[in-house]
Amino acid sequence: MPIQGDNESSRNFLKTKIGDNSFFVNMSWVQSIERTDNLTKQPGNNNIIGSLTFERANIDVYSISDLLKIKPEDQDIMTERVVIIRKENMRIGLLVNSVSGIVEIQSDLVFDVPSIANSSLSNLFESIVISDNDLYLSISPDFLSGQKEQLSHLEDDKAPDLITKSPAHQNGDATGGAGSNQILIFKILDSNAEMSKYLFGMSISQVLQILEPQEIIGVPGSLDFVYGLINWRNRPIPVIDLYKRMGLEDSQINDQTRFVVARTLSKGLIICFPVYFDVNVVKLPLPHEKLVLDSEIDMSFTKGTFKVEDDYTLVIPDLDKVVFKKIENLN
């Protein structure tokens, strides 16, 4: 089939389906789309499902469903296709359940995968694409060809490309401005849908928006405290489990959940995390006394813990540490 090229203002992607999930493939790598008539299935190593004869050569064909651990449902052999990828001297095939066409995307709607949401050891996906307000992962041919690059650890003194800086941060210091004398108080639902025994607080100057429940696109292989990504104002935002990141159990998302979109203070990078819907804004100063917790909370992710009225324990997360603190044991 004829291949459409990119231009400066837009890029072209092939939309494919694997199980119930849709993935994009950058058309600049696509050489051809073939039926599976010539596919010889002979599973091998590295998720190779077999080979296909193309232009007098045998090409290794990868099973994307095996790679992503997606179980195809109601698989229709008649719609299966092998997408032939060519990049420099490398040529491979991707077995997908179906192909639905080529989508033209404006270049400003194609983003790098936020580092905190990427696969834990490899560049499994090359980009995040926004099409009709939905997010799609674009599969990386480099990963499939075995050219794996280990994800650099996130360190305190480095600023990985987690997401575009917020406009407010670009115009001034995030610690100042309206709302700096107010704090957002919230709770989190644990895995049993019970409210946390702690209150959490964050400067309102860091909070950009509180959202109704959002559709999350998961990123296979991402870190265990990362839910995935949401589309916020035409940009992909990582959604993290703040509760789990701080050393507690998994939190839960349900119809009582709201999403807090917030930015780090030092670099103005944006993330999102789920909270219980009953959030409050409180003016400072708030009567309190310092409290040393003997609990399961990882205190390195906090700015401090305090006892406030009604004997509540207030935990102030350090969002910069939550995002940038070095991540150990990525595998």
Protein backbone atom coordinates (compact mmCIF):
# COMPACT_ATOMS: atom_id res chain seq x y z
CA MET A 1 0.00 0.00 0.00
CA PRO A 2 1.25 3.56 -0.60
CA ILE A 3 2.99 5.09 2.40
CA GLN A 4 2.05 8.62 3.42
CA GLY A 5 4.95 10.74 4.58
CA ASP A 6 5.12 13.15 7.48
CA ASN A 7 5.45 16.90 7.15
CA GLU A 8 6.52 19.58 9.58
CA SER A 9 3.04 20.22 10.97
CA SER A 10 1.69 16.66 11.16
CA ARG A 11 2.63 12.99 11.43
CA ASN A 12 0.94 9.87 10.17
CA PHE A 13 0.25 6.80 12.29
CA LEU A 14 -1.17 3.37 11.54
CA LYS A 15 -3.97 2.51 13.98
CA THR A 16 -3.94 -1.15 14.97
CA LYS A 17 -5.89 -3.25 17.42
CA ILE A 18 -4.46 -5.82 19.82
CA GLY A 19 -7.08 -7.52 21.95
CA ASP A 20 -9.43 -4.79 23.14
CA ASN A 21 -6.68 -2.16 22.97
CA SER A 22 -5.66 0.17 20.15
CA PHE A 23 -2.04 1.09 19.47
CA PHE A 24 -0.40 3.36 16.92
CA VAL A 25 2.64 2.65 14.76
CA ASN A 26 4.57 5.55 13.24
CA MET A 27 4.07 5.38 9.47
CA SER A 28 7.65 6.53 8.87
CA TRP A 29 8.68 2.99 9.90
CA VAL A 30 5.94 1.08 8.03
CA GLN A 31 7.03 -0.53 4.76
CA SER A 32 4.03 -2.75 4.10
CA ILE A 33 0.94 -4.39 5.59
CA GLU A 34 0.59 -8.09 4.82
CA ARG A 35 -2.00 -10.79 5.31
CA THR A 36 -1.01 -13.80 7.41
CA ASP A 37 -1.19 -16.32 4.55
CA ASN A 38 2.60 -16.50 4.37
CA LEU A 39 3.13 -16.40 8.13
CA THR A 40 4.80 -19.54 9.44
CA LYS A 41 4.05 -19.71 13.14
CA GLN A 42 6.99 -21.11 15.05
CA PRO A 43 7.30 -19.45 18.46
CA GLY A 44 10.83 -18.57 19.49
CA ASN A 45 12.62 -16.32 21.94
CA ASN A 46 11.89 -12.64 22.67
CA ASN A 47 8.17 -12.93 21.78
CA ILE A 48 8.88 -13.99 18.20
CA ILE A 49 5.85 -15.94 17.01
CA GLY A 50 7.23 -17.03 13.64
CA SER A 51 8.46 -15.70 10.31
CA LEU A 52 7.00 -14.29 7.12
CA THR A 53 8.46 -14.33 3.62
CA PHE A 54 8.65 -10.80 2.23
CA GLU A 55 10.70 -9.68 -0.78
CA ARG A 56 12.54 -13.02 -0.84
CA ALA A 57 13.61 -12.75 2.77
CA ASN A 58 12.38 -14.36 5.98
CA ILE A 59 11.35 -11.72 8.51
CA ASP A 60 10.91 -12.39 12.22
CA VAL A 61 7.35 -11.64 13.33
CA TYR A 62 6.68 -10.50 16.89
CA SER A 63 3.51 -11.19 18.84
CA ILE A 64 2.61 -7.82 20.38
CA SER A 65 -0.15 -9.44 22.45
CA ASP A 66 2.43 -11.76 24.07
CA LEU A 67 4.86 -8.90 24.59
CA LEU A 68 2.25 -6.71 26.29
CA LYS A 69 0.60 -9.69 28.03
CA ILE A 70 -2.70 -8.88 26.35
CA LYS A 71 -4.91 -11.89 25.72
CA PRO A 72 -6.72 -11.46 22.41
CA GLU A 73 -10.46 -12.12 22.74
CA ASP A 74 -12.57 -13.53 19.89
CA GLN A 75 -9.51 -13.58 17.64
CA ASP A 76 -10.44 -13.42 13.96
CA ILE A 77 -7.70 -14.87 11.77
CA MET A 78 -9.26 -13.20 8.73
CA THR A 79 -8.54 -9.71 10.12
CA GLU A 80 -5.03 -10.44 11.40
CA ARG A 81 -2.27 -8.49 9.70
CA VAL A 82 1.51 -8.37 9.82
CA VAL A 83 2.88 -4.84 9.80
CA ILE A 84 6.32 -4.80 8.17
CA ILE A 85 8.61 -2.32 9.93
CA ARG A 86 11.80 -1.08 8.32
CA LYS A 87 14.27 1.17 10.10
CA GLU A 88 17.77 1.57 8.71
CA ASN A 89 19.07 -1.98 8.18
CA MET A 90 16.50 -3.61 10.48
CA ARG A 91 13.27 -5.20 9.23
CA ILE A 92 10.72 -6.98 11.43
CA GLY A 93 7.02 -7.87 11.44
CA LEU A 94 4.36 -7.01 14.03
CA LEU A 95 1.37 -9.34 14.31
CA VAL A 96 -1.77 -7.36 15.14
CA ASN A 97 -5.43 -8.41 15.36
CA SER A 98 -6.57 -5.79 12.86
CA VAL A 99 -5.64 -2.55 11.11
CA SER A 100 -8.18 0.26 10.90
CA GLY A 101 -6.36 2.84 8.81
CA ILE A 102 -3.91 5.73 8.77
CA VAL A 103 -4.50 8.69 11.07
CA GLU A 104 -2.95 12.11 10.52
CA ILE A 105 -2.00 13.81 13.79
CA GLN A 106 -0.86 17.37 14.33
CA SER A 107 2.74 17.37 15.56
CA ASP A 108 1.85 19.29 18.71
CA LEU A 109 -0.38 16.36 19.75
CA VAL A 110 2.53 13.88 19.73
CA PHE A 111 4.44 13.67 23.02
CA ASP A 112 7.36 11.78 24.47
CA VAL A 113 6.28 9.14 26.98
CA PRO A 114 6.66 10.67 30.46
CA SER A 115 9.66 9.01 32.08
CA ILE A 116 7.81 8.14 35.28
CA ALA A 117 5.15 6.33 33.23
CA ASN A 118 7.44 4.52 30.81
CA SER A 119 8.21 0.81 30.93
CA SER A 120 10.45 0.03 33.85
CA LEU A 121 13.52 -1.12 31.90
CA SER A 122 12.98 -0.48 28.21
CA ASN A 123 11.74 2.07 25.71
CA LEU A 124 8.72 -0.02 24.87
CA PHE A 125 6.79 2.92 23.41
CA GLU A 126 8.21 5.83 21.44
CA SER A 127 5.43 8.37 21.94
CA ILE A 128 1.97 9.21 23.24
CA VAL A 129 -0.48 10.38 20.58
CA ILE A 130 -3.72 12.32 21.14
CA SER A 131 -6.42 11.60 18.56
CA ASP A 132 -10.04 12.76 19.01
CA ASN A 133 -9.22 13.53 22.66
CA ASP A 134 -8.15 9.93 23.30
CA LEU A 135 -4.60 8.81 24.18
CA TYR A 136 -2.78 6.14 22.21
CA LEU A 137 0.60 4.50 22.76
CA SER A 138 2.89 4.34 19.73
CA ILE A 139 4.95 1.13 19.67
CA SER A 140 8.72 1.52 19.42
CA PRO A 141 10.45 -0.50 16.67
CA ASP A 142 13.77 -0.04 18.50
CA PHE A 143 12.50 -2.11 21.40
CA LEU A 144 11.22 -4.87 19.15
CA SER A 145 14.49 -5.09 17.27
CA GLY A 146 16.29 -5.86 20.52
CA GLN A 147 17.94 -2.43 20.77
CA LYS A 148 16.87 -2.03 24.37
CA GLU A 149 17.94 1.00 26.34
CA GLN A 150 17.66 0.88 30.09
CA LEU A 151 15.55 3.68 31.50
CA SER A 152 17.74 6.14 33.40
CA HIS A 153 16.97 6.26 37.09
CA LEU A 154 15.16 9.39 38.22
CA GLU A 155 17.48 11.35 40.47
CA ASP A 156 16.92 14.39 42.65
CA ASP A 157 19.36 16.58 40.71
CA LYS A 158 17.95 15.81 37.26
CA ALA A 159 14.71 16.83 35.55
CA PRO A 160 13.53 14.04 33.23
CA ASP A 161 10.94 14.93 30.64
CA LEU A 162 7.96 13.87 32.73
CA ILE A 163 5.63 16.26 31.00
CA THR A 164 5.51 19.79 29.61
CA LYS A 165 6.09 22.52 32.16
CA SER A 166 2.96 24.29 33.27
CA PRO A 167 2.44 27.80 31.83
CA ALA A 168 2.02 29.23 35.34
CA HIS A 169 5.46 27.99 36.33
CA GLN A 170 7.06 29.47 33.24
CA ASN A 171 5.74 32.88 34.24
CA GLY A 172 7.01 32.95 37.78
CA ASP A 173 7.89 31.18 40.99
CA ALA A 174 5.44 28.41 41.81
CA THR A 175 5.76 29.09 45.51
CA GLY A 176 4.29 32.56 45.28
CA GLY A 177 1.10 34.09 43.98
CA ALA A 178 -2.53 33.70 44.92
CA GLY A 179 -3.39 30.74 47.12
CA SER A 180 0.03 30.44 48.78
CA ASN A 181 -1.64 31.02 52.17
CA GLN A 182 -4.12 28.18 51.66
CA ILE A 183 -3.82 24.42 51.81
CA LEU A 184 -5.84 21.67 50.14
CA ILE A 185 -6.86 18.97 52.62
CA PHE A 186 -7.82 15.54 51.29
CA LYS A 187 -8.10 11.85 52.09
CA ILE A 188 -7.40 8.78 49.99
CA LEU A 189 -9.40 5.57 49.65
CA ASP A 190 -7.39 2.43 50.37
CA SER A 191 -7.72 -0.86 48.49
CA ASN A 192 -10.75 -1.80 50.62
CA ALA A 193 -12.49 1.48 49.71
CA GLU A 194 -12.02 2.67 53.27
CA MET A 195 -10.80 6.21 53.93
CA SER A 196 -7.20 6.60 55.00
CA LYS A 197 -6.58 7.27 58.67
CA TYR A 198 -4.42 10.21 57.65
CA LEU A 199 -5.30 13.60 56.27
CA PHE A 200 -3.06 14.86 53.50
CA GLY A 201 -2.31 18.48 52.70
CA MET A 202 -0.80 20.40 49.80
CA SER A 203 -0.31 24.09 49.10
CA ILE A 204 -3.13 25.32 46.90
CA SER A 205 -0.50 27.07 44.77
CA GLN A 206 0.54 23.63 43.50
CA VAL A 207 -2.99 22.54 42.59
CA LEU A 208 -4.02 23.25 38.99
CA GLN A 209 -7.41 21.53 38.88
CA ILE A 210 -9.62 18.93 40.56
CA LEU A 211 -11.28 16.62 38.04
CA GLU A 212 -14.16 14.20 37.94
CA PRO A 213 -13.13 10.55 37.35
CA GLN A 214 -11.14 10.28 34.13
CA GLU A 215 -10.38 7.52 31.64
CA ILE A 216 -6.86 6.23 32.29
CA ILE A 217 -4.73 4.60 29.62
CA GLY A 218 -2.42 2.06 31.21
CA VAL A 219 1.21 1.74 30.15
CA PRO A 220 2.29 -1.93 30.19
CA GLY A 221 5.48 -2.41 32.17
CA SER A 222 5.27 0.90 34.03
CA LEU A 223 6.22 1.24 37.69
CA ASP A 224 3.81 -0.30 40.18
CA PHE A 225 2.68 3.05 41.65
CA VAL A 226 1.78 4.47 38.22
CA TYR A 227 -1.82 4.00 37.09
CA GLY A 228 -1.13 5.31 33.61
CA LEU A 229 -1.96 8.53 31.75
CA ILE A 230 -4.92 10.85 31.27
CA ASN A 231 -5.53 13.54 28.69
CA TRP A 232 -5.49 16.90 30.48
CA ARG A 233 -5.91 19.94 28.25
CA ASN A 234 -4.45 18.09 25.27
CA ARG A 235 -1.38 16.81 27.05
CA PRO A 236 -0.71 13.38 28.61
CA ILE A 237 -0.41 13.57 32.40
CA PRO A 238 0.96 10.69 34.54
CA VAL A 239 -1.48 9.40 37.16
CA ILE A 240 0.29 8.07 40.24
CA ASP A 241 -0.87 6.23 43.33
CA LEU A 242 0.30 8.75 45.93
CA TYR A 243 -0.74 6.42 48.74
CA LYS A 244 1.37 3.54 47.44
CA ARG A 245 4.30 5.76 46.49
CA MET A 246 4.52 6.86 50.13
CA GLY A 247 4.87 3.27 51.31
CA LEU A 248 1.24 2.50 52.10
CA GLU A 249 -1.09 0.00 50.42
CA ASP A 250 -2.72 0.44 47.04
CA SER A 251 -5.40 3.10 46.79
CA GLN A 252 -8.69 2.60 45.01
CA ILE A 253 -10.43 4.49 42.22
CA ASN A 254 -14.24 4.43 42.19
CA ASP A 255 -17.20 6.75 41.73
CA GLN A 256 -16.18 8.66 44.86
CA THR A 257 -12.79 9.49 43.40
CA ARG A 258 -11.61 12.88 42.23
CA PHE A 259 -8.32 13.55 40.45
CA VAL A 260 -6.01 16.29 41.69
CA VAL A 261 -3.81 17.77 38.95
CA ALA A 262 -0.78 19.34 40.61
CA ARG A 263 2.71 20.56 39.77
CA THR A 264 6.04 20.15 41.47
CA LEU A 265 7.49 23.29 43.04
CA SER A 266 11.05 23.11 41.76
CA LYS A 267 10.53 22.29 38.08
CA GLY A 268 6.84 22.94 37.48
CA LEU A 269 6.17 19.43 36.14
CA ILE A 270 2.61 18.15 36.21
CA ILE A 271 1.21 14.90 37.61
CA CYS A 272 -2.18 13.70 38.79
CA PHE A 273 -3.32 11.53 41.70
CA PRO A 274 -6.71 10.20 42.91
CA VAL A 275 -8.27 11.37 46.19
CA TYR A 276 -11.57 10.92 48.03
CA PHE A 277 -14.10 13.43 46.66
CA ASP A 278 -14.52 15.33 49.95
CA VAL A 279 -11.66 17.83 49.63
CA ASN A 280 -11.41 21.12 51.50
CA VAL A 281 -9.42 24.32 51.20
CA VAL A 282 -8.23 25.69 54.56
CA LYS A 283 -6.64 29.05 55.26
CA LEU A 284 -3.26 29.18 56.96
CA PRO A 285 -2.06 29.31 59.65
CA LEU A 286 -3.71 26.10 60.81
CA PRO A 287 -3.45 25.28 64.54
CA HIS A 288 -1.12 22.31 64.79
CA GLU A 289 1.82 20.71 66.53
CA LYS A 290 4.63 18.70 65.07
CA LEU A 291 4.23 14.96 65.29
CA VAL A 292 6.77 12.18 64.82
CA LEU A 293 5.01 9.21 63.27
CA ASP A 294 5.90 5.63 64.02
CA SER A 295 4.09 4.26 60.99
CA GLU A 296 4.47 2.60 57.64
CA ILE A 297 4.70 5.93 55.80
CA ASP A 298 8.01 6.54 54.03
CA MET A 299 8.89 9.86 55.65
CA SER A 300 11.40 10.69 52.91
CA PHE A 301 8.41 11.56 50.70
CA THR A 302 6.97 14.05 53.19
CA LYS A 303 7.67 17.62 54.27
CA GLY A 304 6.41 16.80 57.74
CA THR A 305 3.61 15.31 59.82
CA PHE A 306 1.45 17.24 62.25
CA LYS A 307 -1.33 16.83 64.76
CA VAL A 308 -4.25 19.12 63.98
CA GLU A 309 -7.57 19.75 65.72
CA ASP A 310 -9.87 16.77 66.37
CA ASP A 311 -6.71 14.67 66.77
CA TYR A 312 -6.23 14.18 63.04
CA THR A 313 -2.78 13.37 61.71
CA LEU A 314 -1.89 15.63 58.79
CA VAL A 315 0.75 14.43 56.31
CA ILE A 316 2.30 16.93 53.89
CA PRO A 317 3.63 15.06 50.82
CA ASP A 318 6.76 16.45 49.18
CA LEU A 319 5.62 16.27 45.57
CA ASP A 320 9.14 16.93 44.26
CA LYS A 321 10.45 13.90 46.13
CA VAL A 322 7.44 11.84 45.05
CA VAL A 323 8.30 12.57 41.41
CA PHE A 324 12.07 12.96 41.34
CA LYS A 325 13.44 10.80 44.15
CA LYS A 326 15.61 8.03 42.73
CA ILE A 327 13.59 4.91 42.02
CA GLU A 328 15.28 1.75 43.22
CA ASN A 329 14.72 -1.77 41.90
CA LEU A 330 13.07 -0.74 38.65
CA ASN A 331 12.80 -4.35 37.55
